[in-house]
C-alpha atoms as a PDB file:
ATOM      1  CA  MET A   1     100.440 131.343  85.322  1.00  0.00           C
ATOM      2  CA  GLU A   2     104.108 131.725  84.749  1.00  0.00           C
ATOM      3  CA  THR A   3     103.511 135.445  84.308  1.00  0.00           C
ATOM      4  CA  VAL A   4     101.692 135.403  87.665  1.00  0.00           C
ATOM      5  CA  ASP A   5     104.686 133.965  89.409  1.00  0.00           C
ATOM      6  CA  TYR A   6     107.037 136.504  87.683  1.00  0.00           C
ATOM      7  CA  LEU A   7     104.874 139.460  88.783  1.00  0.00           C
ATOM      8  CA  PHE A   8     104.548 138.022  92.265  1.00  0.00           C
ATOM      9  CA  SER A   9     108.338 137.635  92.655  1.00  0.00           C
ATOM     10  CA  GLY A  10     108.696 141.341  91.663  1.00  0.00           C
ATOM     11  CA  GLY A  11     106.199 142.432  94.298  1.00  0.00           C
ATOM     12  CA  ARG A  12     103.611 143.346  91.720  1.00  0.00           C
ATOM     13  CA  PHE A  13     100.808 141.684  93.756  1.00  0.00           C
ATOM     14  CA  VAL A  14      97.863 143.513  92.189  1.00  0.00           C
ATOM     15  CA  HIS A  15      98.972 142.979  88.686  1.00  0.00           C
ATOM     16  CA  ALA A  16      99.746 139.172  89.427  1.00  0.00           C
ATOM     17  CA  LEU A  17      96.099 138.860  90.660  1.00  0.00           C
ATOM     18  CA  PHE A  18      94.785 140.518  87.442  1.00  0.00           C
ATOM     19  CA  PHE A  19      96.635 137.837  85.478  1.00  0.00           C
ATOM     20  CA  ILE A  20      95.130 135.169  87.683  1.00  0.00           C
ATOM     21  CA  HIS A  21      91.788 136.533  86.873  1.00  0.00           C
ATOM     22  CA  LEU A  22      92.469 136.455  83.159  1.00  0.00           C
ATOM     23  CA  ALA A  23      93.749 132.897  83.319  1.00  0.00           C
ATOM     24  CA  MET A  24      90.737 131.821  85.348  1.00  0.00           C
ATOM     25  CA  GLU A  25      88.414 133.702  82.822  1.00  0.00           C
ATOM     26  CA  LYS A  26      90.054 131.818  79.920  1.00  0.00           C
ATOM     27  CA  VAL A  27      89.604 128.293  81.383  1.00  0.00           C
ATOM     28  CA  LEU A  28      85.999 129.209  82.368  1.00  0.00           C
ATOM     29  CA  LYS A  29      85.307 130.419  78.725  1.00  0.00           C
ATOM     30  CA  ALA A  30      86.707 127.202  77.533  1.00  0.00           C
ATOM     31  CA  HIS A  31      84.063 125.424  79.769  1.00  0.00           C
ATOM     32  CA  TRP A  32      81.488 127.777  78.239  1.00  0.00           C
ATOM     33  CA  VAL A  33      82.479 126.592  74.710  1.00  0.00           C
ATOM     34  CA  LYS A  34      82.294 122.990  75.871  1.00  0.00           C
ATOM     35  CA  ALA A  35      78.710 123.484  77.327  1.00  0.00           C
ATOM     36  CA  SER A  36      77.324 125.670  74.437  1.00  0.00           C
ATOM     37  CA  GLU A  37      75.979 124.772  71.130  1.00  0.00           C
ATOM     38  CA  GLU A  38      76.916 128.234  69.847  1.00  0.00           C
ATOM     39  CA  ASN A  39      80.545 127.761  70.982  1.00  0.00           C
ATOM     40  CA  ILE A  40      81.057 131.510  71.356  1.00  0.00           C
ATOM     41  CA  PRO A  41      81.727 132.772  74.845  1.00  0.00           C
ATOM     42  CA  PRO A  42      80.155 136.084  76.032  1.00  0.00           C
ATOM     43  CA  LYS A  43      82.043 139.314  76.385  1.00  0.00           C
ATOM     44  CA  THR A  44      82.017 139.258  80.190  1.00  0.00           C
ATOM     45  CA  HIS A  45      84.738 139.255  82.837  1.00  0.00           C
ATOM     46  CA  ASN A  46      82.438 138.022  85.575  1.00  0.00           C
ATOM     47  CA  LEU A  47      83.620 134.714  86.657  1.00  0.00           C
ATOM     48  CA  ILE A  48      80.498 133.801  88.529  1.00  0.00           C
ATOM     49  CA  TYR A  49      78.476 134.459  85.433  1.00  0.00           C
ATOM     50  CA  LEU A  50      80.783 132.215  83.357  1.00  0.00           C
ATOM     51  CA  VAL A  51      80.517 129.378  86.023  1.00  0.00           C
ATOM     52  CA  GLU A  52      76.712 129.576  86.125  1.00  0.00           C
ATOM     53  CA  LYS A  53      76.355 129.418  82.279  1.00  0.00           C
ATOM     54  CA  SER A  54      78.975 126.551  81.932  1.00  0.00           C
ATOM     55  CA  ASN A  55      76.963 124.166  83.889  1.00  0.00           C
ATOM     56  CA  LEU A  56      79.912 123.785  86.295  1.00  0.00           C
ATOM     57  CA  ASN A  57      79.158 122.388  89.799  1.00  0.00           C
ATOM     58  CA  LEU A  58      81.744 124.083  91.922  1.00  0.00           C
ATOM     59  CA  SER A  59      81.705 124.034  95.623  1.00  0.00           C
ATOM     60  CA  GLU A  60      80.560 127.037  97.583  1.00  0.00           C
ATOM     61  CA  GLY A  61      84.123 127.728  98.663  1.00  0.00           C
ATOM     62  CA  ASP A  62      85.244 127.769  95.013  1.00  0.00           C
ATOM     63  CA  THR A  63      82.372 130.019  94.046  1.00  0.00           C
ATOM     64  CA  ASP A  64      83.118 132.502  96.956  1.00  0.00           C
ATOM     65  CA  PHE A  65      86.835 132.464  95.821  1.00  0.00           C
ATOM     66  CA  LEU A  66      85.917 133.377  92.347  1.00  0.00           C
ATOM     67  CA  GLN A  67      83.649 136.123  93.598  1.00  0.00           C
ATOM     68  CA  LYS A  68      86.565 137.732  95.408  1.00  0.00           C
ATOM     69  CA  LEU A  69      88.668 137.310  92.454  1.00  0.00           C
ATOM     70  CA  ASN A  70      86.407 139.328  90.378  1.00  0.00           C
ATOM     71  CA  ALA A  71      87.641 142.435  92.140  1.00  0.00           C
ATOM     72  CA  TYR A  72      91.072 142.085  90.399  1.00  0.00           C
ATOM     73  CA  GLN A  73      89.745 142.037  86.850  1.00  0.00           C
ATOM     74  CA  ILE A  74      89.364 145.615  86.978  1.00  0.00           C
ATOM     75  CA  GLU A  75      92.939 146.513  87.511  1.00  0.00           C
ATOM     76  CA  GLY A  76      93.731 146.781  83.790  1.00  0.00           C
ATOM     77  CA  ARG A  77      90.455 148.083  82.779  1.00  0.00           C
ATOM     78  CA  TYR A  78      89.733 150.776  85.421  1.00  0.00           C
ATOM     79  CA  PRO A  79      93.074 152.303  86.505  1.00  0.00           C
ATOM     80  CA  ASP A  80      91.541 154.728  88.969  1.00  0.00           C
ATOM     81  CA  TYR A  81      90.647 151.678  91.113  1.00  0.00           C
ATOM     82  CA  LEU A  82      94.184 150.462  91.178  1.00  0.00           C
ATOM     83  CA  SER A  83      95.441 152.589  94.147  1.00  0.00           C
ATOM     84  CA  LYS A  84      92.711 151.144  96.260  1.00  0.00           C
ATOM     85  CA  LEU A  85      93.475 147.626  95.289  1.00  0.00           C
ATOM     86  CA  ARG A  86      97.149 148.225  95.973  1.00  0.00           C
ATOM     87  CA  MET A  87      96.329 149.415  99.534  1.00  0.00           C
ATOM     88  CA  ASP A  88      94.164 146.447 100.177  1.00  0.00           C
ATOM     89  CA  THR A  89      96.500 143.774  98.673  1.00  0.00           C
ATOM     90  CA  MET A  90      99.319 142.686 100.863  1.00  0.00           C
ATOM     91  CA  LYS A  91     101.904 139.822 100.089  1.00  0.00           C
ATOM     92  CA  GLU A  92     100.220 137.470 102.446  1.00  0.00           C
ATOM     93  CA  THR A  93      96.731 137.974 100.884  1.00  0.00           C
ATOM     94  CA  ALA A  94      98.136 137.793  97.272  1.00  0.00           C
ATOM     95  CA  GLY A  95     100.037 134.735  98.084  1.00  0.00           C
ATOM     96  CA  LYS A  96      97.002 132.767  99.474  1.00  0.00           C
ATOM     97  CA  ILE A  97      94.953 133.967  96.441  1.00  0.00           C
ATOM     98  CA  ARG A  98      97.680 132.895  94.178  1.00  0.00           C
ATOM     99  CA  THR A  99      97.975 129.317  95.778  1.00  0.00           C
ATOM    100  CA  ASP A 100      94.166 128.868  95.832  1.00  0.00           C
ATOM    101  CA  ALA A 101      93.924 129.984  92.110  1.00  0.00           C
ATOM    102  CA  LYS A 102      96.507 127.467  90.923  1.00  0.00           C
ATOM    103  CA  ILE A 103      94.775 124.660  92.500  1.00  0.00           C
ATOM    104  CA  LEU A 104      91.329 125.615  91.128  1.00  0.00           C
ATOM    105  CA  PHE A 105      92.743 126.400  87.744  1.00  0.00           C
ATOM    106  CA  GLN A 106      94.455 123.048  87.528  1.00  0.00           C
ATOM    107  CA  CYS A 107      91.241 121.338  88.493  1.00  0.00           C
ATOM    108  CA  LEU A 108      89.370 123.229  85.875  1.00  0.00           C
ATOM    109  CA  THR A 109      91.869 122.476  83.203  1.00  0.00           C
ATOM    110  CA  GLU A 110      91.946 118.854  83.989  1.00  0.00           C
ATOM    111  CA  ILE A 111      88.085 118.327  83.531  1.00  0.00           C
ATOM    112  CA  LEU A 112      88.187 119.812  80.022  1.00  0.00           C
ATOM    113  CA  PRO A 113      88.169 117.052  77.287  1.00  0.00           C
END
């Protein structure tokens, strides 16, 4: 999340949201490992899929937020989509996402053993 703040302060909003997605993906994969006998998370970047398979009971608002955040996982993987994301991501939008993500990330981290 420190990298998110650094990128955000430099005006790299889409990249900051990509790193938010990465952080959220990692904490959800930690929950997957906690909930799975195999302890091997799947090779997926879909946050909703990870929530569903980790037996997490998130609010509808949190699930909707993660669904929206899924759009930013492709920035590093599909650069052609980057220009559209840049046009759609303004400082205010990115700031709101960053604030909400930090709260949810903290909650998900705290409920890990």
